[in-house]
Amino acid sequence: MVLALVRDWVTGYLLDLPAKIQAGDLIAILIALLLLYCGAFLLSKVTPLILEIVKKLVILAIIVISAHIFLLDLVRKILAAGFTVNVAVFGALGLLIAVIAISIALFRAITAVLAHRKPCAPIPPLPAPPAETAEAAAGPAVEPLPATGEATAKISKESAAYRLKTLTKENSLGMVVLYLVIAEFGIFSSRTIAAASAEAGLTFFLVFLIAALIFIKIRYDDYQSGLRHLVFVCTFGFFISLVLGHFWGGIPAETLLSMNYFRSEALVALITGISLSLFMADKR
């Protein structure tokens, strides 16, 4: 009975996918983008370089669309209720996260495109060594150490580059948190339809977890690392879904802290955040 309800709900949702995309349903937009990625995955068998570029562009599109939907909802809340404490605090937090997430996603997309467009320069032949002098034959010359100021500037520049590379690394903790939160902000700001019942939502979530375990088995080189990643995003994502669901989505606390959680938009936000996090940080 429950499985039939879930099947009918999923089938109906997929049939209404184009209309939901036009209506601004973020989860429908994400499904369409992931289907685009699946198409690119099939094409990558013919043109392998396209997959990484499409993945970065899909992630960028998801973040931009989520931020856009959140911004529209923020404007609606300000026009309807003014600058309340919830609107001011969570609006500012959402804007900050959106700007950072878009900047990093754009940086990664541009980097991926440029990396695949750059031609591989041929390695020039080594020049013929000059005739050795008596001094050169005695041993290699020792280069003088750079001045203290130059050495400090070089170290600072290398440290800044390393921090930027670490920050924008796809499987870093900071990136996981950023993408998860902005995705949940987008869900609570869009016209998303939740499950028909708590039982159907719980069943769908369990099926989703099984699919996530299979995805980790296929896409992660280190299965234990993937499991730790899944546990973290489930735990942190659930906490964020409670906070944003109540203070931004307006869902009563008694709903979020009961079985009715599984028939609310909070479950959709949790699944969306987990999906984006796993899709973003697969390690193969």
Protein backbone atom coordinates (compact mmCIF):
# COMPACT_ATOMS: atom_id res chain seq x y z
CA MET A 1 0.00 0.00 0.00
CA VAL A 2 2.72 2.46 1.01
CA LEU A 3 4.97 1.44 -1.90
CA ALA A 4 2.09 1.90 -4.32
CA LEU A 5 1.44 5.36 -2.87
CA VAL A 6 5.10 6.28 -3.28
CA ARG A 7 5.13 4.91 -6.83
CA ASP A 8 2.03 6.88 -7.81
CA TRP A 9 3.42 10.05 -6.22
CA VAL A 10 6.80 9.73 -8.00
CA THR A 11 5.14 8.90 -11.34
CA GLY A 12 2.77 11.83 -11.08
CA TYR A 13 5.59 14.14 -10.11
CA LEU A 14 7.71 13.14 -13.10
CA LEU A 15 4.76 13.60 -15.47
CA ASP A 16 4.17 17.09 -14.10
CA LEU A 17 7.89 17.93 -14.15
CA PRO A 18 7.77 20.52 -17.02
CA ALA A 19 4.89 22.38 -15.40
CA LYS A 20 6.60 22.35 -12.02
CA ILE A 21 9.79 23.75 -13.55
CA GLN A 22 7.83 26.65 -15.05
CA ALA A 23 6.16 27.22 -11.66
CA GLY A 24 9.54 27.59 -9.94
CA ASP A 25 9.63 24.29 -8.07
CA LEU A 26 13.30 23.99 -7.10
CA ILE A 27 13.30 20.21 -6.64
CA ALA A 28 11.85 19.84 -10.17
CA ILE A 29 14.60 22.10 -11.53
CA LEU A 30 17.23 20.04 -9.73
CA ILE A 31 15.85 16.80 -11.15
CA ALA A 32 15.99 18.27 -14.66
CA LEU A 33 19.59 19.41 -14.15
CA LEU A 34 20.61 16.01 -12.83
CA LEU A 35 18.96 14.38 -15.84
CA LEU A 36 21.08 16.72 -17.97
CA TYR A 37 24.15 15.49 -16.10
CA CYS A 38 23.13 11.87 -16.75
CA GLY A 39 22.91 12.70 -20.43
CA ALA A 40 26.38 14.24 -20.28
CA PHE A 41 27.60 11.10 -18.51
CA LEU A 42 26.45 9.01 -21.45
CA LEU A 43 28.07 11.44 -23.89
CA SER A 44 31.29 11.29 -21.89
CA LYS A 45 31.80 7.75 -23.18
CA VAL A 46 32.36 9.41 -26.55
CA THR A 47 33.86 12.73 -25.42
CA PRO A 48 35.35 12.17 -21.94
CA LEU A 49 36.26 15.82 -21.28
CA ILE A 50 32.65 17.02 -21.33
CA LEU A 51 31.54 15.34 -18.10
CA GLU A 52 33.64 17.34 -15.63
CA ILE A 53 32.68 20.62 -17.28
CA VAL A 54 28.97 19.78 -17.26
CA LYS A 55 29.17 18.71 -13.62
CA LYS A 56 30.66 22.06 -12.58
CA LEU A 57 28.10 23.95 -14.68
CA VAL A 58 25.20 21.93 -13.22
CA ILE A 59 26.39 22.65 -9.67
CA LEU A 60 26.73 26.34 -10.55
CA ALA A 61 23.21 26.37 -12.03
CA ILE A 62 21.76 24.70 -8.93
CA ILE A 63 23.43 27.21 -6.61
CA VAL A 64 22.43 30.23 -8.73
CA ILE A 65 18.81 29.07 -9.05
CA SER A 66 18.60 28.32 -5.32
CA ALA A 67 20.01 31.75 -4.49
CA HIS A 68 17.64 33.42 -6.97
CA ILE A 69 14.57 31.71 -5.48
CA PHE A 70 15.76 32.57 -1.96
CA LEU A 71 16.27 36.22 -2.94
CA LEU A 72 12.75 36.45 -4.38
CA ASP A 73 11.32 34.93 -1.20
CA LEU A 74 13.36 37.34 0.91
CA VAL A 75 11.91 40.30 -0.98
CA ARG A 76 8.38 38.91 -0.55
CA LYS A 77 8.89 38.49 3.19
CA ILE A 78 10.26 42.02 3.54
CA LEU A 79 7.32 43.49 1.61
CA ALA A 80 4.81 41.42 3.60
CA ALA A 81 6.16 41.69 7.16
CA GLY A 82 9.01 44.18 7.07
CA PHE A 83 12.39 43.64 8.72
CA THR A 84 11.45 41.24 11.50
CA VAL A 85 14.16 39.50 13.51
CA ASN A 86 13.79 36.25 11.53
CA VAL A 87 13.86 38.03 8.18
CA ALA A 88 16.86 40.17 9.12
CA VAL A 89 18.96 37.39 10.66
CA PHE A 90 18.22 34.55 8.25
CA GLY A 91 18.01 36.88 5.26
CA ALA A 92 21.50 38.23 5.94
CA LEU A 93 22.81 34.70 6.60
CA GLY A 94 21.28 33.40 3.40
CA LEU A 95 22.65 36.28 1.33
CA LEU A 96 26.14 35.77 2.74
CA ILE A 97 26.09 32.03 2.06
CA ALA A 98 24.64 32.60 -1.42
CA VAL A 99 27.37 35.07 -2.39
CA ILE A 100 30.15 32.77 -1.13
CA ALA A 101 28.64 29.63 -2.70
CA ILE A 102 28.06 31.31 -6.08
CA SER A 103 31.57 32.77 -6.11
CA ILE A 104 33.20 29.41 -5.40
CA ALA A 105 30.94 27.49 -7.81
CA LEU A 106 31.65 30.07 -10.54
CA PHE A 107 35.38 29.86 -9.85
CA ARG A 108 35.31 26.06 -10.12
CA ALA A 109 33.24 26.16 -13.33
CA ILE A 110 35.56 28.66 -15.01
CA THR A 111 38.61 26.70 -13.83
CA ALA A 112 37.19 23.47 -15.28
CA VAL A 113 36.42 25.09 -18.64
CA LEU A 114 39.83 26.74 -18.92
CA ALA A 115 41.65 23.58 -17.82
CA HIS A 116 40.05 21.54 -20.61
CA ARG A 117 40.45 24.26 -23.22
CA LYS A 118 44.15 24.84 -22.56
CA PRO A 119 46.22 22.91 -25.12
CA CYS A 120 49.02 20.76 -23.85
CA ALA A 121 52.26 22.53 -24.74
CA PRO A 122 54.96 20.27 -26.17
CA ILE A 123 57.96 19.74 -23.95
CA PRO A 124 60.90 21.64 -25.48
CA PRO A 125 64.11 19.68 -26.02
CA LEU A 126 66.82 20.15 -23.46
CA PRO A 127 69.62 22.47 -24.62
CA ALA A 128 73.04 20.98 -25.15
CA PRO A 129 75.15 21.36 -22.03
CA PRO A 130 78.03 23.81 -22.32
CA ALA A 131 81.58 22.63 -22.01
CA GLU A 132 82.41 22.09 -18.38
CA THR A 133 84.96 24.32 -16.87
CA ALA A 134 87.21 23.31 -14.06
CA GLU A 135 85.06 25.23 -11.61
CA ALA A 136 81.82 23.64 -12.86
CA ALA A 137 83.30 20.17 -12.73
CA ALA A 138 84.20 20.74 -9.11
CA GLY A 139 80.54 20.72 -8.10
CA PRO A 140 77.18 22.48 -8.58
CA ALA A 141 76.99 26.13 -7.74
CA VAL A 142 74.99 27.00 -4.64
CA GLU A 143 72.32 29.61 -5.30
CA PRO A 144 72.23 32.42 -2.79
CA LEU A 145 69.23 32.50 -0.49
CA PRO A 146 66.66 35.14 -1.39
CA ALA A 147 66.35 38.21 0.77
CA THR A 148 64.23 37.87 3.88
CA GLY A 149 61.48 40.17 2.54
CA GLU A 150 61.26 38.30 -0.76
CA ALA A 151 61.14 34.93 1.00
CA THR A 152 58.35 36.10 3.32
CA ALA A 153 56.31 37.47 0.42
CA LYS A 154 56.76 34.21 -1.52
CA ILE A 155 55.66 32.11 1.47
CA SER A 156 52.62 34.34 2.05
CA LYS A 157 51.60 34.08 -1.59
CA GLU A 158 51.94 30.29 -1.58
CA SER A 159 49.97 30.07 1.69
CA ALA A 160 47.14 32.20 0.26
CA ALA A 161 46.99 30.04 -2.88
CA TYR A 162 46.93 26.89 -0.76
CA ARG A 163 44.10 28.25 1.42
CA LEU A 164 42.08 29.18 -1.67
CA LYS A 165 42.62 25.73 -3.18
CA THR A 166 41.63 24.07 0.11
CA LEU A 167 38.52 26.24 0.47
CA THR A 168 37.30 25.46 -3.03
CA LYS A 169 38.08 21.75 -2.88
CA GLU A 170 34.83 19.94 -3.63
CA ASN A 171 34.97 17.45 -0.78
CA SER A 172 36.04 19.97 1.87
CA LEU A 173 33.84 20.38 4.93
CA GLY A 174 33.25 24.06 4.20
CA MET A 175 31.99 23.37 0.68
CA VAL A 176 29.68 20.62 1.91
CA VAL A 177 28.13 22.95 4.50
CA LEU A 178 27.80 25.88 2.05
CA TYR A 179 26.09 23.89 -0.68
CA LEU A 180 23.87 22.00 1.73
CA VAL A 181 22.60 25.17 3.42
CA ILE A 182 21.96 27.14 0.22
CA ALA A 183 20.10 24.17 -1.27
CA GLU A 184 17.85 23.97 1.80
CA PHE A 185 17.29 27.72 1.73
CA GLY A 186 16.17 27.34 -1.87
CA ILE A 187 13.76 24.52 -1.06
CA PHE A 188 12.08 26.43 1.78
CA SER A 189 11.80 29.46 -0.51
CA SER A 190 10.28 27.62 -3.50
CA ARG A 191 6.91 26.10 -4.26
CA THR A 192 7.88 22.57 -3.38
CA ILE A 193 5.28 19.85 -2.80
CA ALA A 194 6.01 17.42 0.02
CA ALA A 195 5.00 13.77 0.34
CA ALA A 196 1.33 12.84 0.54
CA SER A 197 1.68 11.24 3.98
CA ALA A 198 4.27 10.72 6.71
CA GLU A 199 4.48 7.02 5.89
CA ALA A 200 5.08 7.72 2.19
CA GLY A 201 7.72 10.32 3.06
CA LEU A 202 9.52 7.97 5.45
CA THR A 203 9.47 5.17 2.86
CA PHE A 204 10.82 7.50 0.20
CA PHE A 205 13.58 8.67 2.55
CA LEU A 206 14.63 5.09 3.32
CA VAL A 207 14.70 4.26 -0.39
CA PHE A 208 16.77 7.41 -0.93
CA LEU A 209 19.27 6.32 1.75
CA ILE A 210 19.66 2.91 0.07
CA ALA A 211 20.25 4.67 -3.26
CA ALA A 212 22.79 6.94 -1.54
CA LEU A 213 24.69 3.93 -0.20
CA ILE A 214 24.79 2.44 -3.70
CA PHE A 215 25.97 5.76 -5.13
CA ILE A 216 28.77 5.94 -2.55
CA LYS A 217 29.80 2.36 -3.36
CA ILE A 218 30.02 3.21 -7.06
CA ARG A 219 31.43 6.73 -7.00
CA TYR A 220 33.70 6.86 -3.93
CA ASP A 221 37.15 5.32 -3.93
CA ASP A 222 37.05 5.03 -0.14
CA TYR A 223 33.72 3.56 0.96
CA GLN A 224 34.31 4.30 4.65
CA SER A 225 35.03 7.94 3.83
CA GLY A 226 31.82 8.09 1.83
CA LEU A 227 29.83 6.64 4.73
CA ARG A 228 31.29 9.26 7.10
CA HIS A 229 30.35 11.92 4.58
CA LEU A 230 26.78 10.58 4.41
CA VAL A 231 26.42 10.44 8.21
CA PHE A 232 27.68 14.01 8.53
CA VAL A 233 25.41 15.51 5.87
CA CYS A 234 22.40 13.59 7.22
CA THR A 235 23.01 14.80 10.78
CA PHE A 236 23.91 18.39 9.91
CA GLY A 237 21.29 18.59 7.16
CA PHE A 238 18.57 17.38 9.53
CA PHE A 239 19.52 20.05 12.08
CA ILE A 240 19.54 22.77 9.41
CA SER A 241 16.19 21.58 8.06
CA LEU A 242 14.70 21.98 11.54
CA VAL A 243 16.10 25.48 12.02
CA LEU A 244 15.29 26.79 8.53
CA GLY A 245 12.00 24.93 8.41
CA HIS A 246 10.76 26.68 11.53
CA PHE A 247 12.32 30.13 11.26
CA TRP A 248 12.34 30.56 7.47
CA GLY A 249 9.75 28.11 6.19
CA GLY A 250 7.23 28.85 8.93
CA ILE A 251 6.63 25.19 9.79
CA PRO A 252 5.42 24.68 13.37
CA ALA A 253 7.93 23.09 15.74
CA GLU A 254 5.47 20.36 16.73
CA THR A 255 5.28 19.32 13.06
CA LEU A 256 9.05 19.19 12.64
CA LEU A 257 9.55 17.20 15.85
CA SER A 258 6.99 14.52 15.01
CA MET A 259 6.35 11.97 12.28
CA ASN A 260 4.77 14.78 10.27
CA TYR A 261 8.34 15.86 9.51
CA PHE A 262 8.29 13.25 6.75
CA ARG A 263 5.34 14.91 5.01
CA SER A 264 6.73 18.43 5.22
CA GLU A 265 9.01 20.51 3.03
CA ALA A 266 11.74 19.90 5.60
CA LEU A 267 12.23 16.33 4.34
CA VAL A 268 12.44 17.58 0.74
CA ALA A 269 15.06 20.13 1.83
CA LEU A 270 17.05 17.44 3.65
CA ILE A 271 17.02 15.06 0.67
CA THR A 272 17.97 17.89 -1.69
CA GLY A 273 20.88 18.99 0.49
CA ILE A 274 22.18 15.43 0.85
CA SER A 275 21.85 14.79 -2.88
CA LEU A 276 23.73 17.94 -3.84
CA SER A 277 26.44 17.22 -1.27
CA LEU A 278 27.01 13.65 -2.48
CA PHE A 279 26.85 14.68 -6.14
CA MET A 280 29.29 17.51 -5.53
CA ALA A 281 31.89 15.59 -3.54
CA ASP A 282 32.08 12.17 -5.18
CA LYS A 283 35.72 11.06 -5.25
CA ARG A 284 36.24 9.18 -8.45
